[in-house]
PDB file of N, CA and C in Angstrom:
ATOM      1  N   MET A   1     108.547  82.586 -29.381  1.00  0.00           N
ATOM      2  CA  MET A   1     109.553  82.886 -28.730  1.00  0.00           C
ATOM      3  C   MET A   1     109.889  81.635 -27.321  1.00  0.00           C
ATOM      4  N   LEU A   2     108.662  82.548 -26.880  1.00  0.00           N
ATOM      5  CA  LEU A   2     109.148  81.576 -25.163  1.00  0.00           C
ATOM      6  C   LEU A   2     108.118  80.105 -25.018  1.00  0.00           C
ATOM      7  N   LEU A   3     107.466  80.027 -26.170  1.00  0.00           N
ATOM      8  CA  LEU A   3     106.268  78.706 -26.652  1.00  0.00           C
ATOM      9  C   LEU A   3     107.984  78.114 -26.982  1.00  0.00           C
ATOM     10  N   LYS A   4     108.537  78.580 -28.137  1.00  0.00           N
ATOM     11  CA  LYS A   4     110.074  77.428 -28.505  1.00  0.00           C
ATOM     12  C   LYS A   4     111.181  77.378 -26.766  1.00  0.00           C
ATOM     13  N   ARG A   5     110.529  78.285 -25.927  1.00  0.00           N
ATOM     14  CA  ARG A   5     112.069  77.739 -25.160  1.00  0.00           C
ATOM     15  C   ARG A   5     111.070  76.706 -23.985  1.00  0.00           C
ATOM     16  N   ILE A   6     109.780  76.969 -23.615  1.00  0.00           N
ATOM     17  CA  ILE A   6     109.044  75.575 -22.550  1.00  0.00           C
ATOM     18  C   ILE A   6     108.864  74.364 -23.356  1.00  0.00           C
ATOM     19  N   GLY A   7     109.325  74.329 -24.925  1.00  0.00           N
ATOM     20  CA  GLY A   7     109.438  72.924 -25.355  1.00  0.00           C
ATOM     21  C   GLY A   7     111.072  72.798 -25.613  1.00  0.00           C
ATOM     22  N   TYR A   8     111.726  73.086 -24.808  1.00  0.00           N
ATOM     23  CA  TYR A   8     113.452  73.091 -25.399  1.00  0.00           C
ATOM     24  C   TYR A   8     113.222  72.503 -23.665  1.00  0.00           C
ATOM     25  N   PHE A   9     113.214  73.010 -22.172  1.00  0.00           N
ATOM     26  CA  PHE A   9     112.643  72.930 -20.858  1.00  0.00           C
ATOM     27  C   PHE A   9     112.149  71.901 -20.709  1.00  0.00           C
ATOM     28  N   LEU A  10     111.364  71.586 -21.663  1.00  0.00           N
ATOM     29  CA  LEU A  10     110.233  70.250 -21.048  1.00  0.00           C
ATOM     30  C   LEU A  10     110.834  68.967 -21.830  1.00  0.00           C
ATOM     31  N   ILE A  11     111.695  68.704 -22.553  1.00  0.00           N
ATOM     32  CA  ILE A  11     111.927  68.520 -23.594  1.00  0.00           C
ATOM     33  C   ILE A  11     114.090  67.511 -23.061  1.00  0.00           C
ATOM     34  N   GLY A  12     113.796  68.816 -22.352  1.00  0.00           N
ATOM     35  CA  GLY A  12     115.390  69.046 -21.102  1.00  0.00           C
ATOM     36  C   GLY A  12     115.192  68.027 -20.153  1.00  0.00           C
ATOM     37  N   VAL A  13     114.338  68.369 -19.597  1.00  0.00           N
ATOM     38  CA  VAL A  13     113.764  67.703 -18.003  1.00  0.00           C
ATOM     39  C   VAL A  13     113.482  66.821 -18.608  1.00  0.00           C
ATOM     40  N   SER A  14     112.133  66.046 -19.343  1.00  0.00           N
ATOM     41  CA  SER A  14     111.929  64.765 -19.402  1.00  0.00           C
ATOM     42  C   SER A  14     113.178  63.785 -20.051  1.00  0.00           C
ATOM     43  N   ILE A  15     114.389  64.166 -20.768  1.00  0.00           N
ATOM     44  CA  ILE A  15     115.006  63.568 -20.667  1.00  0.00           C
ATOM     45  C   ILE A  15     116.401  63.295 -19.483  1.00  0.00           C
ATOM     46  N   SER A  16     116.455  64.080 -18.827  1.00  0.00           N
ATOM     47  CA  SER A  16     117.034  63.838 -17.794  1.00  0.00           C
ATOM     48  C   SER A  16     116.372  63.444 -16.293  1.00  0.00           C
ATOM     49  N   SER A  17     115.688  63.862 -16.090  1.00  0.00           N
ATOM     50  CA  SER A  17     114.329  62.000 -15.837  1.00  0.00           C
ATOM     51  C   SER A  17     114.519  61.298 -15.864  1.00  0.00           C
ATOM     52  N   ILE A  18     114.640  60.610 -17.139  1.00  0.00           N
ATOM     53  CA  ILE A  18     114.681  59.472 -17.813  1.00  0.00           C
ATOM     54  C   ILE A  18     116.456  58.678 -17.683  1.00  0.00           C
ATOM     55  N   GLY A  19     117.167  59.456 -17.478  1.00  0.00           N
ATOM     56  CA  GLY A  19     118.329  59.838 -17.207  1.00  0.00           C
ATOM     57  C   GLY A  19     118.516  59.202 -15.466  1.00  0.00           C
ATOM     58  N   VAL A  20     118.219  60.048 -14.406  1.00  0.00           N
ATOM     59  CA  VAL A  20     118.508  60.364 -13.316  1.00  0.00           C
ATOM     60  C   VAL A  20     117.452  58.689 -13.252  1.00  0.00           C
ATOM     61  N   TYR A  21     116.224  58.170 -13.448  1.00  0.00           N
ATOM     62  CA  TYR A  21     115.265  57.154 -13.545  1.00  0.00           C
ATOM     63  C   TYR A  21     116.407  55.646 -13.349  1.00  0.00           C
ATOM     64  N   PHE A  22     117.347  55.713 -14.683  1.00  0.00           N
ATOM     65  CA  PHE A  22     118.074  54.408 -14.356  1.00  0.00           C
ATOM     66  C   PHE A  22     119.291  54.863 -13.780  1.00  0.00           C
ATOM     67  N   PHE A  23     119.487  55.648 -13.788  1.00  0.00           N
ATOM     68  CA  PHE A  23     120.849  56.017 -12.451  1.00  0.00           C
ATOM     69  C   PHE A  23     121.083  54.881 -11.614  1.00  0.00           C
ATOM     70  N   TRP A  24     119.657  55.804 -11.130  1.00  0.00           N
ATOM     71  CA  TRP A  24     119.133  55.157  -9.688  1.00  0.00           C
ATOM     72  C   TRP A  24     118.959  54.218  -9.068  1.00  0.00           C
ATOM     73  N   GLN A  25     118.375  53.574 -10.743  1.00  0.00           N
ATOM     74  CA  GLN A  25     117.851  52.412 -10.361  1.00  0.00           C
ATOM     75  C   GLN A  25     118.937  51.128 -10.203  1.00  0.00           C
ATOM     76  N   LYS A  26     119.637  51.962 -10.567  1.00  0.00           N
ATOM     77  CA  LYS A  26     121.490  50.193 -11.467  1.00  0.00           C
ATOM     78  C   LYS A  26     121.971  50.243  -9.684  1.00  0.00           C
ATOM     79  N   LYS A  27     121.519  51.913  -9.585  1.00  0.00           N
ATOM     80  CA  LYS A  27     122.274  51.327  -7.763  1.00  0.00           C
ATOM     81  C   LYS A  27     122.126  50.658  -7.093  1.00  0.00           C
ATOM     82  N   ASN A  28     120.746  50.584  -6.834  1.00  0.00           N
ATOM     83  CA  ASN A  28     119.628  49.417  -6.135  1.00  0.00           C
ATOM     84  C   ASN A  28     119.602  51.385  -4.217  1.00  0.00           C
ATOM     85  N   ALA A  29     119.386  52.550  -5.119  1.00  0.00           N
ATOM     86  CA  ALA A  29     119.148  53.461  -3.839  1.00  0.00           C
ATOM     87  C   ALA A  29     117.601  52.917  -3.423  1.00  0.00           C
ATOM     88  N   THR A  30     118.109  52.875  -2.126  1.00  0.00           N
ATOM     89  CA  THR A  30     116.723  53.318  -1.524  1.00  0.00           C
ATOM     90  C   THR A  30     116.209  54.576  -0.760  1.00  0.00           C
ATOM     91  N   PHE A  31     115.107  54.678  -0.693  1.00  0.00           N
ATOM     92  CA  PHE A  31     114.476  56.510  -0.078  1.00  0.00           C
ATOM     93  C   PHE A  31     113.866  56.020   0.882  1.00  0.00           C
ATOM     94  N   ASP A  32     113.846  55.576   1.746  1.00  0.00           N
ATOM     95  CA  ASP A  32     114.061  55.707   2.744  1.00  0.00           C
ATOM     96  C   ASP A  32     113.589  56.565   4.347  1.00  0.00           C
ATOM     97  N   TYR A  33     112.438  57.170   3.935  1.00  0.00           N
ATOM     98  CA  TYR A  33     111.775  58.587   4.323  1.00  0.00           C
ATOM     99  C   TYR A  33     110.593  59.151   5.381  1.00  0.00           C
ATOM    100  N   GLY A  34     110.540  57.601   5.048  1.00  0.00           N
ATOM    101  CA  GLY A  34     108.944  57.847   5.952  1.00  0.00           C
ATOM    102  C   GLY A  34     109.175  56.640   7.584  1.00  0.00           C
ATOM    103  N   MET A  35     108.510  56.994   9.051  1.00  0.00           N
ATOM    104  CA  MET A  35     109.214  56.684  10.067  1.00  0.00           C
ATOM    105  C   MET A  35     109.332  55.319   9.399  1.00  0.00           C
ATOM    106  N   ASP A  36     107.770  54.347   9.196  1.00  0.00           N
ATOM    107  CA  ASP A  36     108.201  52.828   9.762  1.00  0.00           C
ATOM    108  C   ASP A  36     109.169  52.140   8.360  1.00  0.00           C
ATOM    109  N   ALA A  37     110.195  52.885   7.129  1.00  0.00           N
ATOM    110  CA  ALA A  37     110.851  52.549   6.586  1.00  0.00           C
ATOM    111  C   ALA A  37     112.410  52.819   7.127  1.00  0.00           C
ATOM    112  N   ARG A  38     112.627  53.978   7.407  1.00  0.00           N
ATOM    113  CA  ARG A  38     113.261  53.754   8.798  1.00  0.00           C
ATOM    114  C   ARG A  38     114.424  53.215   9.680  1.00  0.00           C
ATOM    115  N   THR A  39     113.092  52.799  10.253  1.00  0.00           N
ATOM    116  CA  THR A  39     112.965  51.472  11.245  1.00  0.00           C
ATOM    117  C   THR A  39     113.391  50.479  10.364  1.00  0.00           C
ATOM    118  N   LEU A  40     112.844  50.031   9.707  1.00  0.00           N
ATOM    119  CA  LEU A  40     112.373  49.030   9.158  1.00  0.00           C
ATOM    120  C   LEU A  40     114.452  48.197   8.121  1.00  0.00           C
ATOM    121  N   LYS A  41     114.532  49.544   8.092  1.00  0.00           N
ATOM    122  CA  LYS A  41     115.926  49.658   7.263  1.00  0.00           C
ATOM    123  C   LYS A  41     116.434  49.243   8.931  1.00  0.00           C
ATOM    124  N   THR A  42     116.871  50.070   9.698  1.00  0.00           N
ATOM    125  CA  THR A  42     117.833  49.798  10.392  1.00  0.00           C
ATOM    126  C   THR A  42     117.514  48.887  10.987  1.00  0.00           C
ATOM    127  N   ILE A  43     117.038  48.316  11.206  1.00  0.00           N
ATOM    128  CA  ILE A  43     116.627  46.471  11.450  1.00  0.00           C
ATOM    129  C   ILE A  43     117.250  45.392  10.603  1.00  0.00           C
ATOM    130  N   ARG A  44     117.552  45.810   9.412  1.00  0.00           N
ATOM    131  CA  ARG A  44     117.622  44.905   8.138  1.00  0.00           C
ATOM    132  C   ARG A  44     119.202  44.614   8.550  1.00  0.00           C
ATOM    133  N   ILE A  45     119.488  46.719   8.810  1.00  0.00           N
ATOM    134  CA  ILE A  45     121.197  46.247   8.179  1.00  0.00           C
ATOM    135  C   ILE A  45     121.933  46.010   9.159  1.00  0.00           C
ATOM    136  N   LYS A  46     121.458  46.009  10.811  1.00  0.00           N
ATOM    137  CA  LYS A  46     122.128  45.046  12.179  1.00  0.00           C
ATOM    138  C   LYS A  46     121.683  43.501  11.773  1.00  0.00           C
ATOM    139  N   LYS A  47     123.756  42.822  12.726  1.00  0.00           N
ATOM    140  CA  LYS A  47     122.810  41.401  11.814  1.00  0.00           C
ATOM    141  C   LYS A  47     121.877  40.624  13.102  1.00  0.00           C
ATOM    142  N   ARG A  48     121.294  39.942  12.320  1.00  0.00           N
ATOM    143  CA  ARG A  48     119.590  39.455  13.256  1.00  0.00           C
ATOM    144  C   ARG A  48     120.207  38.036  14.121  1.00  0.00           C
ATOM    145  N   ILE A  49     119.635  37.724  14.882  1.00  0.00           N
ATOM    146  CA  ILE A  49     119.626  37.169  16.117  1.00  0.00           C
ATOM    147  C   ILE A  49     117.876  36.392  16.387  1.00  0.00           C
ATOM    148  N   PHE A  50     118.515  35.146  16.524  1.00  0.00           N
ATOM    149  CA  PHE A  50     116.528  35.130  16.386  1.00  0.00           C
ATOM    150  C   PHE A  50     116.744  34.333  18.327  1.00  0.00           C
ATOM    151  N   SER A  51     115.503  34.287  18.841  1.00  0.00           N
ATOM    152  CA  SER A  51     115.503  34.302  20.643  1.00  0.00           C
ATOM    153  C   SER A  51     115.039  32.664  20.275  1.00  0.00           C
ATOM    154  N   GLU A  52     115.207  32.204  21.162  1.00  0.00           N
ATOM    155  CA  GLU A  52     114.902  30.309  21.871  1.00  0.00           C
ATOM    156  C   GLU A  52     113.588  30.670  21.095  1.00  0.00           C
ATOM    157  N   ASP A  53     112.698  31.719  21.562  1.00  0.00           N
ATOM    158  CA  ASP A  53     110.798  31.438  21.405  1.00  0.00           C
ATOM    159  C   ASP A  53     110.607  31.231  19.723  1.00  0.00           C
ATOM    160  N   ALA A  54     111.172  32.553  19.709  1.00  0.00           N
ATOM    161  CA  ALA A  54     111.836  32.816  18.144  1.00  0.00           C
ATOM    162  C   ALA A  54     111.542  31.284  17.418  1.00  0.00           C
ATOM    163  N   LYS A  55     112.701  30.997  17.461  1.00  0.00           N
ATOM    164  CA  LYS A  55     114.102  29.431  16.509  1.00  0.00           C
ATOM    165  C   LYS A  55     112.402  28.286  17.168  1.00  0.00           C
ATOM    166  N   LYS A  56     111.490  28.581  18.304  1.00  0.00           N
ATOM    167  CA  LYS A  56     111.072  27.588  18.269  1.00  0.00           C
ATOM    168  C   LYS A  56     109.658  26.923  17.324  1.00  0.00           C
ATOM    169  N   VAL A  57     109.381  28.314  17.240  1.00  0.00           N
ATOM    170  CA  VAL A  57     108.584  28.651  15.819  1.00  0.00           C
ATOM    171  C   VAL A  57     108.573  29.133  14.979  1.00  0.00           C
ATOM    172  N   LEU A  58     109.981  28.899  14.034  1.00  0.00           N
ATOM    173  CA  LEU A  58     110.344  29.169  12.943  1.00  0.00           C
ATOM    174  C   LEU A  58     110.565  27.245  12.988  1.00  0.00           C
ATOM    175  N   GLN A  59     110.481  26.408  13.414  1.00  0.00           N
ATOM    176  CA  GLN A  59     111.283  24.888  13.263  1.00  0.00           C
ATOM    177  C   GLN A  59     109.086  23.870  13.441  1.00  0.00           C
ATOM    178  N   ASN A  60     108.634  25.516  14.015  1.00  0.00           N
ATOM    179  CA  ASN A  60     107.126  24.074  14.343  1.00  0.00           C
ATOM    180  C   ASN A  60     105.797  24.794  13.459  1.00  0.00           C
ATOM    181  N   SER A  61     106.580  25.773  12.491  1.00  0.00           N
ATOM    182  CA  SER A  61     105.726  25.801  11.920  1.00  0.00           C
ATOM    183  C   SER A  61     106.082  26.948  10.477  1.00  0.00           C
ATOM    184  N   ALA A  62     105.207  26.735   9.682  1.00  0.00           N
ATOM    185  CA  ALA A  62     105.788  26.971   8.124  1.00  0.00           C
ATOM    186  C   ALA A  62     106.214  28.672   7.774  1.00  0.00           C
ATOM    187  N   ILE A  63     107.071  29.210   8.534  1.00  0.00           N
ATOM    188  CA  ILE A  63     107.112  30.968   9.112  1.00  0.00           C
ATOM    189  C   ILE A  63     108.456  29.976   8.353  1.00  0.00           C
ATOM    190  N   ASP A  64     109.277  30.358   7.758  1.00  0.00           N
ATOM    191  CA  ASP A  64     110.715  30.439   7.321  1.00  0.00           C
ATOM    192  C   ASP A  64     111.529  32.250   7.330  1.00  0.00           C
ATOM    193  N   THR A  65     113.189  31.489   7.900  1.00  0.00           N
ATOM    194  CA  THR A  65     113.573  32.854   7.317  1.00  0.00           C
ATOM    195  C   THR A  65     113.224  33.714   6.701  1.00  0.00           C
ATOM    196  N   LEU A  66     113.734  33.553   5.247  1.00  0.00           N
ATOM    197  CA  LEU A  66     112.943  34.173   3.790  1.00  0.00           C
ATOM    198  C   LEU A  66     111.181  35.304   4.093  1.00  0.00           C
ATOM    199  N   LYS A  67     110.652  34.539   4.967  1.00  0.00           N
ATOM    200  CA  LYS A  67     109.364  35.061   5.423  1.00  0.00           C
ATOM    201  C   LYS A  67     109.661  36.538   6.512  1.00  0.00           C
ATOM    202  N   ILE A  68     109.999  35.904   6.605  1.00  0.00           N
ATOM    203  CA  ILE A  68     111.075  36.440   7.915  1.00  0.00           C
ATOM    204  C   ILE A  68     111.265  38.690   7.542  1.00  0.00           C
ATOM    205  N   ALA A  69     112.309  38.003   6.803  1.00  0.00           N
ATOM    206  CA  ALA A  69     112.453  39.113   6.228  1.00  0.00           C
ATOM    207  C   ALA A  69     112.551  39.055   5.635  1.00  0.00           C
ATOM    208  N   THR A  70     110.954  39.029   4.884  1.00  0.00           N
ATOM    209  CA  THR A  70     110.126  39.632   4.150  1.00  0.00           C
ATOM    210  C   THR A  70     109.289  41.114   4.465  1.00  0.00           C
ATOM    211  N   ILE A  71     109.105  39.789   5.995  1.00  0.00           N
ATOM    212  CA  ILE A  71     108.351  41.313   6.746  1.00  0.00           C
ATOM    213  C   ILE A  71     109.622  42.220   7.664  1.00  0.00           C
ATOM    214  N   LEU A  72     110.310  42.305   7.581  1.00  0.00           N
ATOM    215  CA  LEU A  72     111.699  42.839   8.070  1.00  0.00           C
ATOM    216  C   LEU A  72     111.832  44.116   6.461  1.00  0.00           C
ATOM    217  N   HIS A  73     110.790  43.805   5.074  1.00  0.00           N
ATOM    218  CA  HIS A  73     111.127  44.708   4.756  1.00  0.00           C
ATOM    219  C   HIS A  73     109.889  45.751   3.956  1.00  0.00           C
ATOM    220  N   THR A  74     108.994  44.888   4.100  1.00  0.00           N
ATOM    221  CA  THR A  74     107.697  44.985   3.745  1.00  0.00           C
ATOM    222  C   THR A  74     106.616  45.792   4.553  1.00  0.00           C
ATOM    223  N   GLY A  75     106.617  45.269   6.000  1.00  0.00           N
ATOM    224  CA  GLY A  75     106.484  45.336   7.192  1.00  0.00           C
ATOM    225  C   GLY A  75     105.463  46.955   8.212  1.00  0.00           C
ATOM    226  N   ASP A  76     104.639  46.365   8.752  1.00  0.00           N
ATOM    227  CA  ASP A  76     103.947  47.596   9.413  1.00  0.00           C
ATOM    228  C   ASP A  76     105.101  48.240  11.293  1.00  0.00           C
ATOM    229  N   VAL A  77     105.557  48.633  11.034  1.00  0.00           N
ATOM    230  CA  VAL A  77     105.526  48.855  12.386  1.00  0.00           C
ATOM    231  C   VAL A  77     104.367  49.785  12.957  1.00  0.00           C
ATOM    232  N   ASP A  78     104.308  49.031  15.055  1.00  0.00           N
ATOM    233  CA  ASP A  78     102.997  49.526  15.170  1.00  0.00           C
ATOM    234  C   ASP A  78     104.029  50.124  16.088  1.00  0.00           C
ATOM    235  N   PHE A  79     103.809  51.131  16.256  1.00  0.00           N
ATOM    236  CA  PHE A  79     104.179  52.945  17.269  1.00  0.00           C
ATOM    237  C   PHE A  79     103.932  52.567  18.509  1.00  0.00           C
ATOM    238  N   GLY A  80     102.124  51.782  18.325  1.00  0.00           N
ATOM    239  CA  GLY A  80     101.569  51.730  19.679  1.00  0.00           C
ATOM    240  C   GLY A  80     101.820  51.036  20.520  1.00  0.00           C
ATOM    241  N   LYS A  81     102.070  49.756  20.011  1.00  0.00           N
ATOM    242  CA  LYS A  81     102.940  48.535  20.965  1.00  0.00           C
ATOM    243  C   LYS A  81     104.527  48.856  21.298  1.00  0.00           C
ATOM    244  N   SER A  82     104.445  49.574  20.542  1.00  0.00           N
ATOM    245  CA  SER A  82     106.197  49.071  20.181  1.00  0.00           C
ATOM    246  C   SER A  82     107.088  50.429  21.333  1.00  0.00           C
ATOM    247  N   LYS A  83     107.906  50.129  21.954  1.00  0.00           N
ATOM    248  CA  LYS A  83     108.422  51.282  22.268  1.00  0.00           C
ATOM    249  C   LYS A  83     110.091  51.675  21.638  1.00  0.00           C
ATOM    250  N   PRO A  84     110.024  52.366  21.355  1.00  0.00           N
ATOM    251  CA  PRO A  84     110.661  53.245  20.669  1.00  0.00           C
ATOM    252  C   PRO A  84     112.254  53.906  21.309  1.00  0.00           C
ATOM    253  N   ARG A  85     111.622  54.108  22.604  1.00  0.00           N
ATOM    254  CA  ARG A  85     113.032  55.208  23.345  1.00  0.00           C
ATOM    255  C   ARG A  85     112.786  54.181  24.945  1.00  0.00           C
ATOM    256  N   GLN A  86     113.537  53.769  23.942  1.00  0.00           N
ATOM    257  CA  GLN A  86     113.349  51.931  25.361  1.00  0.00           C
ATOM    258  C   GLN A  86     114.784  52.166  25.825  1.00  0.00           C
ATOM    259  N   LYS A  87     115.755  51.861  27.174  1.00  0.00           N
ATOM    260  CA  LYS A  87     117.077  52.431  26.733  1.00  0.00           C
ATOM    261  C   LYS A  87     117.513  51.192  27.329  1.00  0.00           C
ATOM    262  N   PRO A  88     118.503  50.115  26.944  1.00  0.00           N
ATOM    263  CA  PRO A  88     119.010  50.588  26.216  1.00  0.00           C
ATOM    264  C   PRO A  88     119.361  49.848  24.637  1.00  0.00           C
ATOM    265  N   CYS A  89     118.284  49.494  24.350  1.00  0.00           N
ATOM    266  CA  CYS A  89     117.753  48.677  23.349  1.00  0.00           C
ATOM    267  C   CYS A  89     115.944  49.288  23.137  1.00  0.00           C
ATOM    268  N   ALA A  90     115.984  49.511  21.446  1.00  0.00           N
ATOM    269  CA  ALA A  90     114.843  49.903  21.654  1.00  0.00           C
ATOM    270  C   ALA A  90     113.476  48.160  21.156  1.00  0.00           C
ATOM    271  N   SER A  91     112.464  48.955  21.787  1.00  0.00           N
ATOM    272  CA  SER A  91     111.900  47.933  21.059  1.00  0.00           C
ATOM    273  C   SER A  91     110.680  47.869  20.191  1.00  0.00           C
ATOM    274  N   TYR A  92     109.833  47.234  19.660  1.00  0.00           N
ATOM    275  CA  TYR A  92     109.806  46.664  18.280  1.00  0.00           C
ATOM    276  C   TYR A  92     108.488  45.996  17.625  1.00  0.00           C
ATOM    277  N   TYR A  93     106.953  46.187  17.834  1.00  0.00           N
ATOM    278  CA  TYR A  93     106.557  45.504  17.170  1.00  0.00           C
ATOM    279  C   TYR A  93     105.101  45.522  15.692  1.00  0.00           C
ATOM    280  N   ILE A  94     105.965  45.043  14.801  1.00  0.00           N
ATOM    281  CA  ILE A  94     105.906  44.775  13.363  1.00  0.00           C
ATOM    282  C   ILE A  94     105.193  43.597  12.949  1.00  0.00           C
ATOM    283  N   THR A  95     103.711  43.993  12.125  1.00  0.00           N
ATOM    284  CA  THR A  95     103.157  43.110  11.837  1.00  0.00           C
ATOM    285  C   THR A  95     103.453  43.061  10.328  1.00  0.00           C
ATOM    286  N   GLY A  96     102.975  42.306   8.815  1.00  0.00           N
ATOM    287  CA  GLY A  96     103.154  41.397   8.332  1.00  0.00           C
ATOM    288  C   GLY A  96     101.763  41.926   7.122  1.00  0.00           C
ATOM    289  N   LYS A  97     102.416  42.387   5.800  1.00  0.00           N
ATOM    290  CA  LYS A  97     101.131  43.399   4.730  1.00  0.00           C
ATOM    291  C   LYS A  97     101.073  41.173   4.195  1.00  0.00           C
ATOM    292  N   ARG A  98      99.568  41.346   3.393  1.00  0.00           N
ATOM    293  CA  ARG A  98      99.344  40.482   2.464  1.00  0.00           C
ATOM    294  C   ARG A  98      99.546  39.292   2.658  1.00  0.00           C
ATOM    295  N   GLU A  99      99.996  38.442   2.127  1.00  0.00           N
ATOM    296  CA  GLU A  99      99.516  37.358   2.356  1.00  0.00           C
ATOM    297  C   GLU A  99     100.564  37.047   4.551  1.00  0.00           C
ATOM    298  N   LEU A 100     100.805  37.417   4.639  1.00  0.00           N
ATOM    299  CA  LEU A 100     101.809  37.767   5.605  1.00  0.00           C
ATOM    300  C   LEU A 100     101.002  38.438   7.158  1.00  0.00           C
ATOM    301  N   GLU A 101      99.986  38.268   6.339  1.00  0.00           N
ATOM    302  CA  GLU A 101      99.105  39.634   7.320  1.00  0.00           C
ATOM    303  C   GLU A 101      98.643  38.620   8.877  1.00  0.00           C
ATOM    304  N   ASN A 102      99.086  37.654   8.804  1.00  0.00           N
ATOM    305  CA  ASN A 102      98.735  37.262  10.173  1.00  0.00           C
ATOM    306  C   ASN A 102      99.686  36.877  11.400  1.00  0.00           C
ATOM    307  N   VAL A 103     101.245  36.917  10.371  1.00  0.00           N
ATOM    308  CA  VAL A 103     102.594  37.194  11.651  1.00  0.00           C
ATOM    309  C   VAL A 103     102.385  38.073  11.704  1.00  0.00           C
ATOM    310  N   SER A 104     103.334  38.537  12.849  1.00  0.00           N
ATOM    311  CA  SER A 104     103.916  39.559  13.817  1.00  0.00           C
ATOM    312  C   SER A 104     105.037  39.302  14.307  1.00  0.00           C
ATOM    313  N   LEU A 105     106.047  40.068  14.249  1.00  0.00           N
ATOM    314  CA  LEU A 105     107.996  40.570  15.119  1.00  0.00           C
ATOM    315  C   LEU A 105     107.331  40.879  16.279  1.00  0.00           C
ATOM    316  N   TYR A 106     107.986  40.813  17.233  1.00  0.00           N
ATOM    317  CA  TYR A 106     108.645  41.494  18.117  1.00  0.00           C
ATOM    318  C   TYR A 106     110.080  41.235  18.617  1.00  0.00           C
ATOM    319  N   VAL A 107     111.104  43.093  18.076  1.00  0.00           N
ATOM    320  CA  VAL A 107     112.132  42.791  18.197  1.00  0.00           C
ATOM    321  C   VAL A 107     112.957  44.187  18.697  1.00  0.00           C
ATOM    322  N   THR A 108     113.973  43.073  19.036  1.00  0.00           N
ATOM    323  CA  THR A 108     114.616  44.089  20.195  1.00  0.00           C
ATOM    324  C   THR A 108     115.830  44.573  19.049  1.00  0.00           C
ATOM    325  N   ARG A 109     115.718  45.614  18.891  1.00  0.00           N
ATOM    326  CA  ARG A 109     117.370  46.621  17.917  1.00  0.00           C
ATOM    327  C   ARG A 109     118.364  46.912  19.179  1.00  0.00           C
ATOM    328  N   CYS A 110     119.120  47.306  18.986  1.00  0.00           N
ATOM    329  CA  CYS A 110     120.123  47.195  19.798  1.00  0.00           C
ATOM    330  C   CYS A 110     121.345  47.845  18.936  1.00  0.00           C
ATOM    331  N   ASP A 111     122.711  48.154  19.496  1.00  0.00           N
ATOM    332  CA  ASP A 111     123.239  49.350  18.131  1.00  0.00           C
ATOM    333  C   ASP A 111     124.250  48.185  17.637  1.00  0.00           C
ATOM    334  N   SER A 112     124.489  47.343  17.876  1.00  0.00           N
ATOM    335  CA  SER A 112     125.259  46.443  16.371  1.00  0.00           C
ATOM    336  C   SER A 112     124.063  44.683  15.920  1.00  0.00           C
ATOM    337  N   THR A 113     122.781  45.436  16.908  1.00  0.00           N
ATOM    338  CA  THR A 113     122.605  43.474  16.576  1.00  0.00           C
ATOM    339  C   THR A 113     120.902  44.308  16.836  1.00  0.00           C
ATOM    340  N   ALA A 114     120.029  43.467  15.808  1.00  0.00           N
ATOM    341  CA  ALA A 114     118.916  43.027  15.936  1.00  0.00           C
ATOM    342  C   ALA A 114     118.232  42.319  16.307  1.00  0.00           C
ATOM    343  N   THR A 115     117.074  41.960  17.645  1.00  0.00           N
ATOM    344  CA  THR A 115     116.851  40.363  18.579  1.00  0.00           C
ATOM    345  C   THR A 115     115.467  40.347  18.176  1.00  0.00           C
ATOM    346  N   ILE A 116     115.075  38.626  17.036  1.00  0.00           N
ATOM    347  CA  ILE A 116     113.499  38.269  16.682  1.00  0.00           C
ATOM    348  C   ILE A 116     113.946  38.219  18.299  1.00  0.00           C
ATOM    349  N   GLU A 117     112.856  39.245  19.252  1.00  0.00           N
ATOM    350  CA  GLU A 117     112.482  37.583  20.356  1.00  0.00           C
ATOM    351  C   GLU A 117     111.216  37.161  20.201  1.00  0.00           C
ATOM    352  N   LYS A 118     110.295  37.611  19.438  1.00  0.00           N
ATOM    353  CA  LYS A 118     108.994  36.793  19.536  1.00  0.00           C
ATOM    354  C   LYS A 118     107.893  36.667  17.661  1.00  0.00           C
ATOM    355  N   ILE A 119     107.609  35.471  17.366  1.00  0.00           N
ATOM    356  CA  ILE A 119     107.037  35.659  16.174  1.00  0.00           C
ATOM    357  C   ILE A 119     105.805  34.971  17.323  1.00  0.00           C
ATOM    358  N   ILE A 120     104.560  36.346  16.032  1.00  0.00           N
ATOM    359  CA  ILE A 120     103.506  36.244  17.205  1.00  0.00           C
ATOM    360  C   ILE A 120     102.138  35.403  15.532  1.00  0.00           C
ATOM    361  N   MET A 121     101.755  34.095  15.365  1.00  0.00           N
ATOM    362  CA  MET A 121     100.689  33.975  14.659  1.00  0.00           C
ATOM    363  C   MET A 121      99.887  34.145  15.187  1.00  0.00           C
ATOM    364  N   ASN A 122      98.747  34.877  14.558  1.00  0.00           N
ATOM    365  CA  ASN A 122      97.290  35.523  14.876  1.00  0.00           C
ATOM    366  C   ASN A 122      96.591  34.365  14.140  1.00  0.00           C
TER     367      ASN A 122
END
């Protein structure tokens, strides 16, 4: 009797887990709980502005706005080089991953905008 109940329980949990997985997948929900993920998400959702220095790097290199967006989606925030408590706007140093690991961004995040201050090529 106990074994039968455990079997029914496991079948129910399995079916509902699959349903929840497909439900959340269709909604494009993200679960940004880590410090890096939350910081990058708050930068991504704000209006993005490029400084004159950043615009020059974009014009003179193989870096484009799609690569910048990729870094802002998958990059690593270096909190040692960042100033997250700076008032009125926090500043973050973000490095790319994989093929963009030689590109770093210095971003200033204010209430309604995120300004790409510098694009650093290593």
